[in-house]
Amino acid sequence: LIVDFNTPIEEVSNQAMSRGFDDVYDCIIVTK
């Protein structure tokens, strides 16, 4: 999961929690 620096955290939270069971606890990469 790679997200832009300026993405609201509620949107990132939704994306992270919608991942598959095996990936749900993986870290999120932030780019600018």
PDB file of all heavy atoms in Angstrom:
ATOM      1  N   LEU A   1       0.859  -1.191   0.000  1.00  0.00           N
ATOM      2  CA  LEU A   1       0.000   0.000   0.000  1.00  0.00           C
ATOM      3  C   LEU A   1       0.890   1.235   0.000  1.00  0.00           C
ATOM      4  O   LEU A   1       1.625   1.485   0.959  1.00  0.00           O
ATOM      5  CB  LEU A   1      -0.928  -0.006   1.220  1.00  0.00           C
ATOM      6  CG  LEU A   1      -1.835   1.216   1.378  1.00  0.00           C
ATOM      7  CD1 LEU A   1      -2.701   1.438   0.141  1.00  0.00           C
ATOM      8  CD2 LEU A   1      -2.721   1.085   2.627  1.00  0.00           C
ATOM      9  N   ILE A   2       0.832   2.011  -1.100  1.00  0.00           N
ATOM     10  CA  ILE A   2       1.621   3.242  -1.240  1.00  0.00           C
ATOM     11  C   ILE A   2       0.653   4.411  -1.380  1.00  0.00           C
ATOM     12  O   ILE A   2      -0.229   4.396  -2.244  1.00  0.00           O
ATOM     13  CB  ILE A   2       2.546   3.176  -2.472  1.00  0.00           C
ATOM     14  CG1 ILE A   2       3.505   1.976  -2.357  1.00  0.00           C
ATOM     15  CG2 ILE A   2       3.321   4.471  -2.628  1.00  0.00           C
ATOM     16  CD1 ILE A   2       4.394   1.774  -3.580  1.00  0.00           C
ATOM     17  N   VAL A   3       0.798   5.412  -0.523  1.00  0.00           N
ATOM     18  CA  VAL A   3      -0.116   6.563  -0.539  1.00  0.00           C
ATOM     19  C   VAL A   3       0.674   7.861  -0.601  1.00  0.00           C
ATOM     20  O   VAL A   3       1.828   7.928  -0.184  1.00  0.00           O
ATOM     21  CB  VAL A   3      -1.031   6.577   0.713  1.00  0.00           C
ATOM     22  CG1 VAL A   3      -1.925   5.354   0.744  1.00  0.00           C
ATOM     23  CG2 VAL A   3      -0.215   6.671   1.990  1.00  0.00           C
ATOM     24  N   ASP A   4       0.022   8.883  -1.117  1.00  0.00           N
ATOM     25  CA  ASP A   4       0.654  10.199  -1.213  1.00  0.00           C
ATOM     26  C   ASP A   4       0.708  10.875   0.153  1.00  0.00           C
ATOM     27  O   ASP A   4      -0.157  10.666   1.007  1.00  0.00           O
ATOM     28  CB  ASP A   4      -0.110  11.093  -2.192  1.00  0.00           C
ATOM     29  CG  ASP A   4       0.562  12.438  -2.391  1.00  0.00           C
ATOM     30  OD1 ASP A   4       1.602  12.487  -3.078  1.00  0.00           O
ATOM     31  OD2 ASP A   4       0.065  13.435  -1.823  1.00  0.00           O
ATOM     32  N   PHE A   5       1.725  11.665   0.351  1.00  0.00           N
ATOM     33  CA  PHE A   5       1.982  12.392   1.599  1.00  0.00           C
ATOM     34  C   PHE A   5       0.744  13.134   2.098  1.00  0.00           C
ATOM     35  O   PHE A   5       0.477  13.196   3.291  1.00  0.00           O
ATOM     36  CB  PHE A   5       3.131  13.386   1.351  1.00  0.00           C
ATOM     37  CG  PHE A   5       3.632  14.101   2.573  1.00  0.00           C
ATOM     38  CD1 PHE A   5       4.746  13.638   3.251  1.00  0.00           C
ATOM     39  CD2 PHE A   5       3.017  15.261   3.022  1.00  0.00           C
ATOM     40  CE1 PHE A   5       5.223  14.304   4.374  1.00  0.00           C
ATOM     41  CE2 PHE A   5       3.483  15.936   4.140  1.00  0.00           C
ATOM     42  CZ  PHE A   5       4.594  15.452   4.819  1.00  0.00           C
ATOM     43  N   ASN A   6      -0.030  13.717   1.178  1.00  0.00           N
ATOM     44  CA  ASN A   6      -1.143  14.591   1.557  1.00  0.00           C
ATOM     45  C   ASN A   6      -2.492  13.870   1.685  1.00  0.00           C
ATOM     46  O   ASN A   6      -3.527  14.523   1.799  1.00  0.00           O
ATOM     47  CB  ASN A   6      -1.282  15.725   0.536  1.00  0.00           C
ATOM     48  CG  ASN A   6      -0.095  16.672   0.576  1.00  0.00           C
ATOM     49  OD1 ASN A   6       0.260  17.180   1.626  1.00  0.00           O
ATOM     50  ND2 ASN A   6       0.534  16.889  -0.565  1.00  0.00           N
ATOM     51  N   THR A   7      -2.496  12.553   1.702  1.00  0.00           N
ATOM     52  CA  THR A   7      -3.749  11.814   1.826  1.00  0.00           C
ATOM     53  C   THR A   7      -4.279  11.886   3.254  1.00  0.00           C
ATOM     54  O   THR A   7      -3.524  11.648   4.202  1.00  0.00           O
ATOM     55  CB  THR A   7      -3.551  10.333   1.438  1.00  0.00           C
ATOM     56  OG1 THR A   7      -2.888  10.259   0.177  1.00  0.00           O
ATOM     57  CG2 THR A   7      -4.888   9.608   1.366  1.00  0.00           C
ATOM     58  N   PRO A   8      -5.568  12.235   3.457  1.00  0.00           N
ATOM     59  CA  PRO A   8      -6.142  12.269   4.811  1.00  0.00           C
ATOM     60  C   PRO A   8      -6.021  10.907   5.490  1.00  0.00           C
ATOM     61  O   PRO A   8      -6.176   9.864   4.837  1.00  0.00           O
ATOM     62  CB  PRO A   8      -7.608  12.641   4.565  1.00  0.00           C
ATOM     63  CG  PRO A   8      -7.615  13.335   3.244  1.00  0.00           C
ATOM     64  CD  PRO A   8      -6.541  12.664   2.428  1.00  0.00           C
ATOM     65  N   ILE A   9      -5.772  10.889   6.797  1.00  0.00           N
ATOM     66  CA  ILE A   9      -5.515   9.612   7.460  1.00  0.00           C
ATOM     67  C   ILE A   9      -6.767   8.736   7.518  1.00  0.00           C
ATOM     68  O   ILE A   9      -6.651   7.510   7.562  1.00  0.00           O
ATOM     69  CB  ILE A   9      -4.912   9.774   8.870  1.00  0.00           C
ATOM     70  CG1 ILE A   9      -5.883  10.430   9.847  1.00  0.00           C
ATOM     71  CG2 ILE A   9      -3.613  10.508   8.827  1.00  0.00           C
ATOM     72  CD1 ILE A   9      -5.409  10.320  11.282  1.00  0.00           C
ATOM     73  N   GLU A  10      -7.961   9.338   7.484  1.00  0.00           N
ATOM     74  CA  GLU A  10      -9.154   8.495   7.495  1.00  0.00           C
ATOM     75  C   GLU A  10      -9.273   7.700   6.193  1.00  0.00           C
ATOM     76  O   GLU A  10      -9.725   6.555   6.178  1.00  0.00           O
ATOM     77  CB  GLU A  10     -10.429   9.303   7.757  1.00  0.00           C
ATOM     78  CG  GLU A  10     -10.720  10.419   6.781  1.00  0.00           C
ATOM     79  CD  GLU A  10     -10.210  11.763   7.253  1.00  0.00           C
ATOM     80  OE1 GLU A  10      -9.125  11.797   7.868  1.00  0.00           O
ATOM     81  OE2 GLU A  10     -10.871  12.776   7.003  1.00  0.00           O
ATOM     82  N   GLU A  11      -8.814   8.336   5.082  1.00  0.00           N
ATOM     83  CA  GLU A  11      -8.834   7.636   3.787  1.00  0.00           C
ATOM     84  C   GLU A  11      -7.811   6.503   3.778  1.00  0.00           C
ATOM     85  O   GLU A  11      -8.085   5.394   3.276  1.00  0.00           O
ATOM     86  CB  GLU A  11      -8.535   8.636   2.667  1.00  0.00           C
ATOM     87  CG  GLU A  11      -8.633   8.062   1.269  1.00  0.00           C
ATOM     88  CD  GLU A  11      -8.343   9.096   0.194  1.00  0.00           C
ATOM     89  OE1 GLU A  11      -8.778  10.262   0.357  1.00  0.00           O
ATOM     90  OE2 GLU A  11      -7.670   8.747  -0.798  1.00  0.00           O
ATOM     91  N   VAL A  12      -6.617   6.769   4.354  1.00  0.00           N
ATOM     92  CA  VAL A  12      -5.582   5.735   4.435  1.00  0.00           C
ATOM     93  C   VAL A  12      -6.050   4.585   5.316  1.00  0.00           C
ATOM     94  O   VAL A  12      -5.827   3.411   5.007  1.00  0.00           O
ATOM     95  CB  VAL A  12      -4.264   6.325   4.980  1.00  0.00           C
ATOM     96  CG1 VAL A  12      -3.211   5.229   5.123  1.00  0.00           C
ATOM     97  CG2 VAL A  12      -3.750   7.427   4.069  1.00  0.00           C
ATOM     98  N   SER A  13      -6.708   4.930   6.418  1.00  0.00           N
ATOM     99  CA  SER A  13      -7.217   3.900   7.324  1.00  0.00           C
ATOM    100  C   SER A  13      -8.196   2.969   6.606  1.00  0.00           C
ATOM    101  O   SER A  13      -8.140   1.743   6.758  1.00  0.00           O
ATOM    102  CB  SER A  13      -7.891   4.558   8.532  1.00  0.00           C
ATOM    103  OG  SER A  13      -8.397   3.584   9.412  1.00  0.00           O
ATOM    104  N   ASN A  14      -9.077   3.543   5.806  1.00  0.00           N
ATOM    105  CA  ASN A  14     -10.045   2.736   5.047  1.00  0.00           C
ATOM    106  C   ASN A  14      -9.337   1.819   4.055  1.00  0.00           C
ATOM    107  O   ASN A  14      -9.691   0.642   3.908  1.00  0.00           O
ATOM    108  CB  ASN A  14     -11.029   3.634   4.304  1.00  0.00           C
ATOM    109  CG  ASN A  14     -12.001   4.335   5.244  1.00  0.00           C
ATOM    110  OD1 ASN A  14     -12.271   3.840   6.337  1.00  0.00           O
ATOM    111  ND2 ASN A  14     -12.524   5.479   4.841  1.00  0.00           N
ATOM    112  N   GLN A  15      -8.319   2.380   3.364  1.00  0.00           N
ATOM    113  CA  GLN A  15      -7.578   1.569   2.391  1.00  0.00           C
ATOM    114  C   GLN A  15      -6.837   0.425   3.084  1.00  0.00           C
ATOM    115  O   GLN A  15      -6.821  -0.712   2.606  1.00  0.00           O
ATOM    116  CB  GLN A  15      -6.568   2.435   1.634  1.00  0.00           C
ATOM    117  CG  GLN A  15      -7.188   3.431   0.665  1.00  0.00           C
ATOM    118  CD  GLN A  15      -6.117   4.208  -0.097  1.00  0.00           C
ATOM    119  OE1 GLN A  15      -5.139   3.641  -0.569  1.00  0.00           O
ATOM    120  NE2 GLN A  15      -6.311   5.504  -0.208  1.00  0.00           N
ATOM    121  N   ALA A  16      -6.215   0.743   4.211  1.00  0.00           N
ATOM    122  CA  ALA A  16      -5.424  -0.258   4.937  1.00  0.00           C
ATOM    123  C   ALA A  16      -6.298  -1.398   5.447  1.00  0.00           C
ATOM    124  O   ALA A  16      -5.944  -2.579   5.346  1.00  0.00           O
ATOM    125  CB  ALA A  16      -4.676   0.394   6.085  1.00  0.00           C
ATOM    126  N   MET A  17      -7.456  -1.042   5.991  1.00  0.00           N
ATOM    127  CA  MET A  17      -8.339  -2.047   6.589  1.00  0.00           C
ATOM    128  C   MET A  17      -9.098  -2.866   5.542  1.00  0.00           C
ATOM    129  O   MET A  17      -9.668  -3.907   5.857  1.00  0.00           O
ATOM    130  CB  MET A  17      -9.327  -1.383   7.536  1.00  0.00           C
ATOM    131  CG  MET A  17      -8.689  -0.790   8.794  1.00  0.00           C
ATOM    132  SD  MET A  17      -7.813  -2.009   9.810  1.00  0.00           S
ATOM    133  CE  MET A  17      -6.105  -1.702   9.358  1.00  0.00           C
ATOM    134  N   SER A  18      -9.100  -2.396   4.301  1.00  0.00           N
ATOM    135  CA  SER A  18      -9.810  -3.133   3.244  1.00  0.00           C
ATOM    136  C   SER A  18      -8.889  -4.122   2.531  1.00  0.00           C
ATOM    137  O   SER A  18      -9.309  -4.822   1.619  1.00  0.00           O
ATOM    138  CB  SER A  18     -10.415  -2.157   2.235  1.00  0.00           C
ATOM    139  OG  SER A  18      -9.394  -1.433   1.571  1.00  0.00           O
ATOM    140  N   ARG A  19      -7.624  -4.191   2.953  1.00  0.00           N
ATOM    141  CA  ARG A  19      -6.697  -5.151   2.366  1.00  0.00           C
ATOM    142  C   ARG A  19      -7.035  -6.576   2.820  1.00  0.00           C
ATOM    143  O   ARG A  19      -7.795  -6.778   3.769  1.00  0.00           O
ATOM    144  CB  ARG A  19      -5.251  -4.821   2.768  1.00  0.00           C
ATOM    145  CG  ARG A  19      -4.741  -3.526   2.181  1.00  0.00           C
ATOM    146  CD  ARG A  19      -3.301  -3.243   2.566  1.00  0.00           C
ATOM    147  NE  ARG A  19      -3.138  -2.969   3.993  1.00  0.00           N
ATOM    148  CZ  ARG A  19      -1.990  -2.632   4.571  1.00  0.00           C
ATOM    149  NH1 ARG A  19      -0.898  -2.541   3.842  1.00  0.00           N
ATOM    150  NH2 ARG A  19      -1.933  -2.392   5.863  1.00  0.00           N
ATOM    151  N   GLY A  20      -6.453  -7.527   2.167  1.00  0.00           N
ATOM    152  CA  GLY A  20      -6.662  -8.924   2.541  1.00  0.00           C
ATOM    153  C   GLY A  20      -6.137  -9.231   3.928  1.00  0.00           C
ATOM    154  O   GLY A  20      -5.297  -8.494   4.473  1.00  0.00           O
ATOM    155  N   PHE A  21      -6.577 -10.342   4.501  1.00  0.00           N
ATOM    156  CA  PHE A  21      -6.205 -10.701   5.873  1.00  0.00           C
ATOM    157  C   PHE A  21      -4.695 -10.792   6.052  1.00  0.00           C
ATOM    158  O   PHE A  21      -4.150 -10.353   7.066  1.00  0.00           O
ATOM    159  CB  PHE A  21      -6.860 -12.043   6.260  1.00  0.00           C
ATOM    160  CG  PHE A  21      -6.537 -12.491   7.653  1.00  0.00           C
ATOM    161  CD1 PHE A  21      -7.194 -11.937   8.747  1.00  0.00           C
ATOM    162  CD2 PHE A  21      -5.552 -13.452   7.882  1.00  0.00           C
ATOM    163  CE1 PHE A  21      -6.885 -12.341  10.038  1.00  0.00           C
ATOM    164  CE2 PHE A  21      -5.237 -13.847   9.167  1.00  0.00           C
ATOM    165  CZ  PHE A  21      -5.905 -13.296  10.260  1.00  0.00           C
ATOM    166  N   ASP A  22      -3.996 -11.354   5.065  1.00  0.00           N
ATOM    167  CA  ASP A  22      -2.550 -11.531   5.186  1.00  0.00           C
ATOM    168  C   ASP A  22      -1.782 -10.215   5.147  1.00  0.00           C
ATOM    169  O   ASP A  22      -0.647 -10.142   5.632  1.00  0.00           O
ATOM    170  CB  ASP A  22      -2.036 -12.444   4.057  1.00  0.00           C
ATOM    171  CG  ASP A  22      -2.528 -13.872   4.208  1.00  0.00           C
ATOM    172  OD1 ASP A  22      -2.888 -14.253   5.348  1.00  0.00           O
ATOM    173  OD2 ASP A  22      -2.577 -14.596   3.190  1.00  0.00           O
ATOM    174  N   ASP A  23      -2.375  -9.182   4.537  1.00  0.00           N
ATOM    175  CA  ASP A  23      -1.671  -7.906   4.355  1.00  0.00           C
ATOM    176  C   ASP A  23      -2.127  -6.802   5.306  1.00  0.00           C
ATOM    177  O   ASP A  23      -1.532  -5.726   5.320  1.00  0.00           O
ATOM    178  CB  ASP A  23      -1.869  -7.394   2.917  1.00  0.00           C
ATOM    179  CG  ASP A  23      -1.455  -8.423   1.885  1.00  0.00           C
ATOM    180  OD1 ASP A  23      -0.445  -9.105   2.114  1.00  0.00           O
ATOM    181  OD2 ASP A  23      -2.157  -8.550   0.864  1.00  0.00           O
ATOM    182  N   VAL A  24      -3.172  -7.040   6.077  1.00  0.00           N
ATOM    183  CA  VAL A  24      -3.831  -5.956   6.800  1.00  0.00           C
ATOM    184  C   VAL A  24      -2.920  -5.255   7.804  1.00  0.00           C
ATOM    185  O   VAL A  24      -3.112  -4.079   8.106  1.00  0.00           O
ATOM    186  CB  VAL A  24      -5.117  -6.481   7.492  1.00  0.00           C
ATOM    187  CG1 VAL A  24      -4.785  -7.327   8.708  1.00  0.00           C
ATOM    188  CG2 VAL A  24      -6.033  -5.320   7.868  1.00  0.00           C
ATOM    189  N   TYR A  25      -1.897  -5.964   8.315  1.00  0.00           N
ATOM    190  CA  TYR A  25      -1.010  -5.343   9.301  1.00  0.00           C
ATOM    191  C   TYR A  25       0.317  -4.877   8.710  1.00  0.00           C
ATOM    192  O   TYR A  25       1.209  -4.465   9.440  1.00  0.00           O
ATOM    193  CB  TYR A  25      -0.758  -6.306  10.468  1.00  0.00           C
ATOM    194  CG  TYR A  25      -2.001  -6.575  11.278  1.00  0.00           C
ATOM    195  CD1 TYR A  25      -2.623  -7.812  11.243  1.00  0.00           C
ATOM    196  CD2 TYR A  25      -2.573  -5.557  12.055  1.00  0.00           C
ATOM    197  CE1 TYR A  25      -3.788  -8.048  11.968  1.00  0.00           C
ATOM    198  CE2 TYR A  25      -3.729  -5.786  12.781  1.00  0.00           C
ATOM    199  CZ  TYR A  25      -4.335  -7.031  12.739  1.00  0.00           C
ATOM    200  OH  TYR A  25      -5.484  -7.248  13.455  1.00  0.00           O
ATOM    201  N   ASP A  26       0.440  -4.943   7.390  1.00  0.00           N
ATOM    202  CA  ASP A  26       1.667  -4.465   6.742  1.00  0.00           C
ATOM    203  C   ASP A  26       1.767  -2.937   6.841  1.00  0.00           C
ATOM    204  O   ASP A  26       0.754  -2.226   6.828  1.00  0.00           O
ATOM    205  CB  ASP A  26       1.695  -4.865   5.265  1.00  0.00           C
ATOM    206  CG  ASP A  26       1.941  -6.358   5.091  1.00  0.00           C
ATOM    207  OD1 ASP A  26       2.080  -7.054   6.112  1.00  0.00           O
ATOM    208  OD2 ASP A  26       1.967  -6.813   3.937  1.00  0.00           O
ATOM    209  N   CYS A  27       2.990  -2.445   6.899  1.00  0.00           N
ATOM    210  CA  CYS A  27       3.212  -0.996   6.976  1.00  0.00           C
ATOM    211  C   CYS A  27       2.753  -0.303   5.688  1.00  0.00           C
ATOM    212  O   CYS A  27       2.606  -0.940   4.640  1.00  0.00           O
ATOM    213  CB  CYS A  27       4.692  -0.713   7.203  1.00  0.00           C
ATOM    214  SG  CYS A  27       5.260  -1.165   8.856  1.00  0.00           S
ATOM    215  N   ILE A  28       2.546   0.999   5.801  1.00  0.00           N
ATOM    216  CA  ILE A  28       2.096   1.815   4.664  1.00  0.00           C
ATOM    217  C   ILE A  28       3.262   2.689   4.222  1.00  0.00           C
ATOM    218  O   ILE A  28       3.897   3.361   5.046  1.00  0.00           O
ATOM    219  CB  ILE A  28       0.905   2.694   5.077  1.00  0.00           C
ATOM    220  CG1 ILE A  28      -0.250   1.815   5.546  1.00  0.00           C
ATOM    221  CG2 ILE A  28       0.470   3.605   3.953  1.00  0.00           C
ATOM    222  CD1 ILE A  28      -1.101   2.453   6.596  1.00  0.00           C
ATOM    223  N   ILE A  29       3.533   2.684   2.933  1.00  0.00           N
ATOM    224  CA  ILE A  29       4.622   3.496   2.379  1.00  0.00           C
ATOM    225  C   ILE A  29       4.052   4.851   1.954  1.00  0.00           C
ATOM    226  O   ILE A  29       3.027   4.920   1.285  1.00  0.00           O
ATOM    227  CB  ILE A  29       5.276   2.792   1.177  1.00  0.00           C
ATOM    228  CG1 ILE A  29       5.868   1.448   1.613  1.00  0.00           C
ATOM    229  CG2 ILE A  29       6.368   3.676   0.562  1.00  0.00           C
ATOM    230  CD1 ILE A  29       6.362   0.587   0.463  1.00  0.00           C
ATOM    231  N   VAL A  30       4.737   5.913   2.346  1.00  0.00           N
ATOM    232  CA  VAL A  30       4.302   7.280   2.037  1.00  0.00           C
ATOM    233  C   VAL A  30       5.274   7.896   1.033  1.00  0.00           C
ATOM    234  O   VAL A  30       6.496   7.819   1.209  1.00  0.00           O
ATOM    235  CB  VAL A  30       4.239   8.143   3.314  1.00  0.00           C
ATOM    236  CG1 VAL A  30       3.783   9.564   2.979  1.00  0.00           C
ATOM    237  CG2 VAL A  30       3.294   7.514   4.333  1.00  0.00           C
ATOM    238  N   THR A  31       4.720   8.501  -0.023  1.00  0.00           N
ATOM    239  CA  THR A  31       5.556   9.143  -1.036  1.00  0.00           C
ATOM    240  C   THR A  31       5.194  10.620  -1.182  1.00  0.00           C
ATOM    241  O   THR A  31       4.087  11.033  -0.858  1.00  0.00           O
ATOM    242  CB  THR A  31       5.392   8.450  -2.406  1.00  0.00           C
ATOM    243  OG1 THR A  31       4.019   8.578  -2.834  1.00  0.00           O
ATOM    244  CG2 THR A  31       5.766   7.001  -2.331  1.00  0.00           C
ATOM    245  N   LYS A  32       6.145  11.367  -1.688  1.00  0.00           N
ATOM    246  CA  LYS A  32       5.910  12.781  -2.011  1.00  0.00           C
ATOM    247  C   LYS A  32       6.490  13.023  -3.386  1.00  0.00           C
ATOM    248  O   LYS A  32       7.673  12.746  -3.618  1.00  0.00           O
ATOM    249  CB  LYS A  32       6.571  13.694  -0.977  1.00  0.00           C
ATOM    250  CG  LYS A  32       6.274  15.173  -1.187  1.00  0.00           C
ATOM    251  CD  LYS A  32       7.072  16.026  -0.221  1.00  0.00           C
ATOM    252  CE  LYS A  32       6.516  15.906   1.180  1.00  0.00           C
ATOM    253  NZ  LYS A  32       7.188  16.815   2.134  1.00  0.00           N
TER     254      LYS A  32
END
